[in-house]
Amino acid sequence: RGQVTQMYRPCGASLRPAQLFPISAHLCRMSFVEVPEGHPFPIQNLPYGVFSTADEPRHRIGVAIGEYVLDLSRLCHLFPDASCQQAFQQPTLNQFMSLGRTHWKAARSALQKLLSKEEPSLRDDEQLRAKALVHSSHVTMHLPASIGDYTDFYSSKEHATNVGTMFRGPQNALMPNWVHLPVGYHGRASSVVVSSTPVRRPNGQTRPVEDQPPVFGPCKLLDFELEMAFFVGPANALGKPIPVSQAQEHIFGMVLMNDWSARDIQKWEYVPLGPFIGKNFGTSISPWVVTMDALEPFIVANPPQDPKPLPYLCHDDPYSFDIKLEVGIKAPDMDKPTVICRSNFKYLYWTMKQQLAHHSVGGCNMQAGDLIASGTISGKDPESYGSMLELSWKGSKTVPLANGETRKFLKDHDEVVMTGHCQGSGYRIGFGECCGLVLPAHPVEQ
């Protein structure tokens, strides 16, 4: 785990939002490191990741600032917090995640000061700058944490309603429990990979003809799922739940996620215990973890919940986020992806606090570096549907691409590119890209 790598470079042309908001040049120049206007990694962001370079293959923790990665292992002595000094010498973010919000805030404050144009300690030290600031084109990104466990929720009411309508009809679209608890299942942590890692089409059992025996072979209905996920911070003891009022103390930061899905395999296998082979062949995440402190300015009101959840799931403080999301597909002969989905994290019915409180209410012990996913993010508008299953409505219609081709589900050598950002006043908080190329299935032995 944690050994899958990517070169940090565009995997297809970057997606552009439908509208570019004006960016204040003053805010972009707050750091002595030049940050282009509209860049996803200004000084207001400072996401954490794990990287290496060709001349130094050691995995180390970095922070993205503009087109550069700040090597924190070179700067440990400049952090006043001794716990952070030790954590930033580790090959993953797990130890830093475990420290909690007081230390996270202290590190963020120290980083913003260190990178500010008024602070000389790094700005004026040419030798230290040469070692600590690495251009992003020279780095290989790795998984940001050693992921002990991975849980996938099902928190979009629109997505759950769409899928339920397709398979059970509109009268039975939502199962009776859905509006009372955050539905989820335990995924496979070992097959979580960093963005740009190719994903191979799985083989498995399907039953294409309802009254015939199953057959074995490559998945024919390969899909993406537009999701986001958060990393758990400090652990809780086995048997001791995390109250919803304290859940925020255990949420470190967020990444983009593509939870690849083999729809035909999943349909045949999922009763009675849920997804298995149809989901465990690959889950892609973006390499940069955007902290909750960076996202705090983009908190919006929680969605209305009716009926009111049970008391252990209730919290009055807003904890939904205005994160604009896009998905594009790039066929082999295309220069850039065609955007086929525009959605938003704020569409989710259940909040991350509720997910974490429910996950631990039975006494489950969460660990630093655990990955908790939102489930597919869909809105009410068909353009916001976060999967091909919904966009093609179970394959009943096609989705056009810019090269004249169409898709109902993904083909071999398609590349799926997901992006996300929050738009501030004069700056943008971005997540980078989460992308993956579909490789053909392994040949089936006859």
Foldseek 3Di string as FASTA:
>chain_A
DFPFKAQPDDPFDDDDDPDDDFFDVVQQQQFVPHADFQHQADLLWFFKFWKAFPVGRQIFIWTDHHQKTFQVLLVLVQQPDVQVSVCRVDNANLSVLQPWDVSVVSVSVSSSLCGGPVHCPQVVPVVSVVVGIGGSNGIMTIARHQAPWEKEWAFFPVQQQLVLCLPPNNVCSDPPCVLAATHIDTADSVQETEFAAAFEFEWDWFDPDPVDDIDIDTQPFKKWFWWKKWFFGHKDAFQDFDFLVRLVRGTFFMWTKIQIFRVRRQVVPQPPPGDDRRGHRHMYIYRTTTGVSSQVVFFDAADDRPPDYDPSQDDHDTAFGFKWKWKFKDAPPGNHTDTQAIFGRSSTNGGPSRVRRVVCVRRDMDGGGHMYMHTGTAHPDLRHGRMLCSVCVNVVHWGATPVGDTDSHDDAQMKMKMWMWDDDHNYINTNRIRMYGYHYYDDDDD
